[in-house]
Amino acid sequence: MGELGPLVGEPLALDLVNTRARLPDQDFDFLSDLAAMRHWLSCERDRLSTVSDAQLRSPTRADLAAVRALRDHAAAAIARARTGRSPAPRDLRALNEAMRAAPAHHELVRGDRRAGLRARRDGARGTRIAAALAESVAELLADDRIETVRNCEADFCILLFLPTHPRRRWCNPAICGNRVRVARFHERRKAGAG
């Protein structure tokens, strides 16, 4: 994961929670600093269309602090919702405050042949990214599929995923799946030699 970067491609709310990751010998935080956050935001750029490209390219320390705090609330709310429990009041409050701090609205924009509609966020610069992410968390929490979110089955891994196939067991078969298969192979080989 360190050489590959953050796992992306799950619902955006899970990608946010998955910015904390683990391999057997190393923990990762893909929001550890502004450079790491810029990289993660560049991976998610297409899914954060209500935030300007300029802001995604140059987040501030306030953005970083807001997103990291939001990640903690998102992880707690998702963990409870996965087991059929309502998120804790403090987590719901934090998510709602983040969305209210930079509300989304639509605006008409001039196009080549006709007007287009674009979503946009207002609010202080340090809140727009967190608001867009909080909205994705709220959407996942309200989705019936929340209870199907799984933990990766690799012993060392802490990542979450929304399975698209009922037999999916790992966040990433090329990383966690391969490590588990290699470990099993070595265990069988050791048991056969003993």
Protein backbone atom coordinates (compact mmCIF):
# COMPACT_ATOMS: atom_id res chain seq x y z
CA MET A 1 0.00 0.00 0.00
CA GLY A 2 2.79 2.42 0.80
CA GLU A 3 4.22 2.11 -2.67
CA LEU A 4 0.77 1.93 -4.24
CA GLY A 5 -0.87 4.74 -2.31
CA PRO A 6 -4.29 4.78 -0.71
CA LEU A 7 -7.02 2.33 -1.62
CA VAL A 8 -9.62 4.21 -3.64
CA GLY A 9 -12.66 3.14 -5.57
CA GLU A 10 -14.97 2.20 -2.72
CA PRO A 11 -17.76 4.62 -1.85
CA LEU A 12 -16.10 7.94 -1.04
CA ALA A 13 -17.04 7.65 2.64
CA LEU A 14 -15.14 4.36 2.89
CA ASP A 15 -12.20 5.79 0.96
CA LEU A 16 -12.06 8.52 3.63
CA VAL A 17 -12.03 6.00 6.49
CA ASN A 18 -9.51 3.91 4.56
CA THR A 19 -6.98 6.74 4.58
CA ARG A 20 -5.71 4.88 7.65
CA ALA A 21 -4.25 1.57 6.58
CA ARG A 22 -1.97 -1.15 7.87
CA LEU A 23 0.41 -3.77 6.54
CA PRO A 24 1.91 -6.36 8.89
CA ASP A 25 4.96 -4.22 9.57
CA GLN A 26 3.73 -0.68 9.00
CA ASP A 27 0.82 1.70 9.62
CA PHE A 28 -0.10 4.35 7.05
CA ASP A 29 -1.98 7.61 7.29
CA PHE A 30 -2.75 9.02 3.87
CA LEU A 31 -3.81 12.26 5.56
CA SER A 32 -0.63 12.59 7.60
CA ASP A 33 0.28 16.00 6.15
CA LEU A 34 -0.70 18.41 3.39
CA ALA A 35 1.34 16.60 0.72
CA ALA A 36 -0.33 13.28 1.55
CA MET A 37 -3.74 14.96 1.54
CA ARG A 38 -3.05 16.57 -1.85
CA HIS A 39 -2.19 13.15 -3.25
CA TRP A 40 -5.36 11.56 -1.81
CA LEU A 41 -7.51 14.44 -3.09
CA SER A 42 -5.99 14.05 -6.56
CA CYS A 43 -7.06 10.39 -6.50
CA GLU A 44 -10.61 11.43 -5.52
CA ARG A 45 -10.85 14.59 -7.67
CA ASP A 46 -13.64 13.29 -9.95
CA ARG A 47 -15.84 12.46 -6.95
CA LEU A 48 -15.40 15.86 -5.31
CA SER A 49 -16.89 17.90 -8.13
CA THR A 50 -18.51 20.47 -5.82
CA VAL A 51 -15.05 21.57 -4.65
CA SER A 52 -12.93 23.69 -6.97
CA ASP A 53 -9.86 22.19 -8.60
CA ALA A 54 -7.76 24.98 -7.13
CA GLN A 55 -8.81 24.05 -3.62
CA LEU A 56 -8.24 20.35 -4.22
CA ARG A 57 -4.74 21.10 -5.52
CA SER A 58 -3.80 23.30 -2.57
CA PRO A 59 -5.67 22.36 0.61
CA THR A 60 -4.91 24.39 3.72
CA ARG A 61 -3.99 23.27 7.23
CA ALA A 62 -7.61 24.07 8.17
CA ASP A 63 -8.77 21.65 5.43
CA LEU A 64 -6.44 18.97 6.75
CA ALA A 65 -7.63 19.41 10.34
CA ALA A 66 -11.29 19.41 9.31
CA VAL A 67 -10.94 16.30 7.14
CA ARG A 68 -8.98 14.39 9.78
CA ALA A 69 -11.60 15.20 12.43
CA LEU A 70 -14.35 14.23 10.01
CA ARG A 71 -12.60 10.92 9.31
CA ASP A 72 -12.77 10.02 13.02
CA HIS A 73 -16.49 10.80 13.20
CA ALA A 74 -17.14 8.96 9.92
CA ALA A 75 -15.31 5.84 11.13
CA ALA A 76 -17.27 5.79 14.39
CA ALA A 77 -20.63 6.40 12.68
CA ILE A 78 -20.01 3.77 10.01
CA ALA A 79 -18.87 1.20 12.60
CA ARG A 80 -22.13 1.61 14.52
CA ALA A 81 -24.33 1.69 11.41
CA ARG A 82 -22.75 -1.53 10.09
CA THR A 83 -24.14 -3.34 13.13
CA GLY A 84 -27.62 -1.87 12.76
CA ARG A 85 -27.15 0.82 15.41
CA SER A 86 -27.73 4.50 14.94
CA PRO A 87 -24.58 6.64 14.93
CA ALA A 88 -23.75 8.35 18.22
CA PRO A 89 -25.20 11.87 18.64
CA ARG A 90 -21.74 13.50 18.66
CA ASP A 91 -20.87 11.87 15.33
CA LEU A 92 -24.18 12.88 13.73
CA ARG A 93 -23.72 16.41 15.05
CA ALA A 94 -20.20 16.64 13.61
CA LEU A 95 -21.32 15.34 10.20
CA ASN A 96 -24.29 17.72 10.07
CA GLU A 97 -22.15 20.68 11.15
CA ALA A 98 -19.62 19.89 8.43
CA MET A 99 -22.34 19.79 5.76
CA ARG A 100 -23.96 23.02 7.02
CA ALA A 101 -20.63 24.85 7.07
CA ALA A 102 -20.38 24.70 3.27
CA PRO A 103 -23.78 24.01 1.77
CA ALA A 104 -24.07 22.83 -1.81
CA HIS A 105 -26.16 24.66 -4.35
CA HIS A 106 -26.59 24.53 -8.10
CA GLU A 107 -25.79 27.30 -10.52
CA LEU A 108 -26.37 27.72 -14.21
CA VAL A 109 -23.25 28.10 -16.33
CA ARG A 110 -22.90 29.14 -19.91
CA GLY A 111 -22.24 26.29 -22.32
CA ASP A 112 -21.44 26.06 -26.02
CA ARG A 113 -25.04 25.49 -27.10
CA ARG A 114 -27.07 25.82 -23.94
CA ALA A 115 -26.78 26.44 -20.23
CA GLY A 116 -25.38 23.75 -17.97
CA LEU A 117 -26.00 23.02 -14.33
CA ARG A 118 -23.07 22.77 -11.93
CA ALA A 119 -23.05 21.96 -8.23
CA ARG A 120 -20.97 24.28 -6.07
CA ARG A 121 -20.18 24.72 -2.39
CA ASP A 122 -20.12 27.96 -0.47
CA GLY A 123 -18.59 28.50 2.92
CA ALA A 124 -15.17 29.17 4.33
CA ARG A 125 -12.29 27.72 2.37
CA GLY A 126 -11.35 25.31 5.17
CA THR A 127 -14.81 23.73 5.24
CA ARG A 128 -15.65 22.96 1.61
CA ILE A 129 -13.69 19.72 1.29
CA ALA A 130 -14.94 18.45 4.66
CA ALA A 131 -18.53 19.32 3.69
CA ALA A 132 -18.33 17.32 0.47
CA LEU A 133 -16.85 14.36 2.33
CA ALA A 134 -19.44 14.61 5.13
CA GLU A 135 -22.17 14.47 2.50
CA SER A 136 -20.71 11.23 1.12
CA VAL A 137 -20.65 9.78 4.64
CA ALA A 138 -24.28 10.82 5.19
CA GLU A 139 -25.28 9.17 1.91
CA LEU A 140 -23.59 5.90 2.91
CA LEU A 141 -25.15 5.98 6.40
CA ALA A 142 -28.60 6.39 4.82
CA ASP A 143 -27.99 3.62 2.27
CA ASP A 144 -29.43 0.16 2.99
CA ARG A 145 -26.10 -1.35 1.94
CA ILE A 146 -24.34 0.07 5.03
CA GLU A 147 -24.85 -3.21 6.88
CA THR A 148 -23.04 -5.10 4.11
CA VAL A 149 -19.80 -3.13 4.49
CA ARG A 150 -17.06 -5.60 5.44
CA ASN A 151 -13.64 -5.59 7.03
CA CYS A 152 -10.83 -7.02 4.97
CA GLU A 153 -10.20 -10.59 6.16
CA ALA A 154 -6.42 -10.23 6.22
CA ASP A 155 -5.32 -10.37 9.88
CA PHE A 156 -3.23 -7.24 9.66
CA CYS A 157 -5.58 -5.12 7.53
CA ILE A 158 -8.05 -2.54 8.89
CA LEU A 159 -9.62 -1.45 5.60
CA LEU A 160 -13.33 -1.55 4.82
CA PHE A 161 -15.06 -2.33 1.55
CA LEU A 162 -18.52 -2.65 0.10
CA PRO A 163 -18.55 -6.06 -1.59
CA THR A 164 -19.75 -6.16 -5.17
CA HIS A 165 -19.61 -9.95 -5.04
CA PRO A 166 -20.75 -12.06 -2.06
CA ARG A 167 -17.48 -14.03 -2.02
CA ARG A 168 -15.20 -10.99 -1.86
CA ARG A 169 -12.97 -11.30 1.22
CA TRP A 170 -10.18 -8.76 0.86
CA CYS A 171 -9.97 -5.02 0.30
CA ASN A 172 -7.51 -5.67 -2.51
CA PRO A 173 -6.82 -9.21 -3.75
CA ALA A 174 -3.45 -8.17 -5.19
CA ILE A 175 -2.21 -6.93 -1.80
CA CYS A 176 -4.04 -8.51 1.11
CA GLY A 177 -5.31 -11.56 -0.77
CA ASN A 178 -1.85 -12.35 -2.08
CA ARG A 179 -0.22 -11.89 1.35
CA VAL A 180 -2.75 -14.25 2.95
CA ARG A 181 -2.26 -16.88 0.23
CA VAL A 182 1.54 -16.66 0.52
CA ALA A 183 1.36 -16.98 4.33
CA ARG A 184 -0.89 -20.06 4.02
CA PHE A 185 1.51 -21.60 1.51
CA HIS A 186 4.44 -21.12 3.89
CA GLU A 187 2.44 -22.57 6.80
CA ARG A 188 1.54 -25.69 4.78
CA ARG A 189 5.13 -26.04 3.65
CA LYS A 190 6.41 -25.69 7.22
CA ALA A 191 3.85 -28.21 8.51
CA GLY A 192 4.82 -30.69 5.78
CA ALA A 193 8.54 -30.36 6.58
CA GLY A 194 8.02 -30.86 10.34
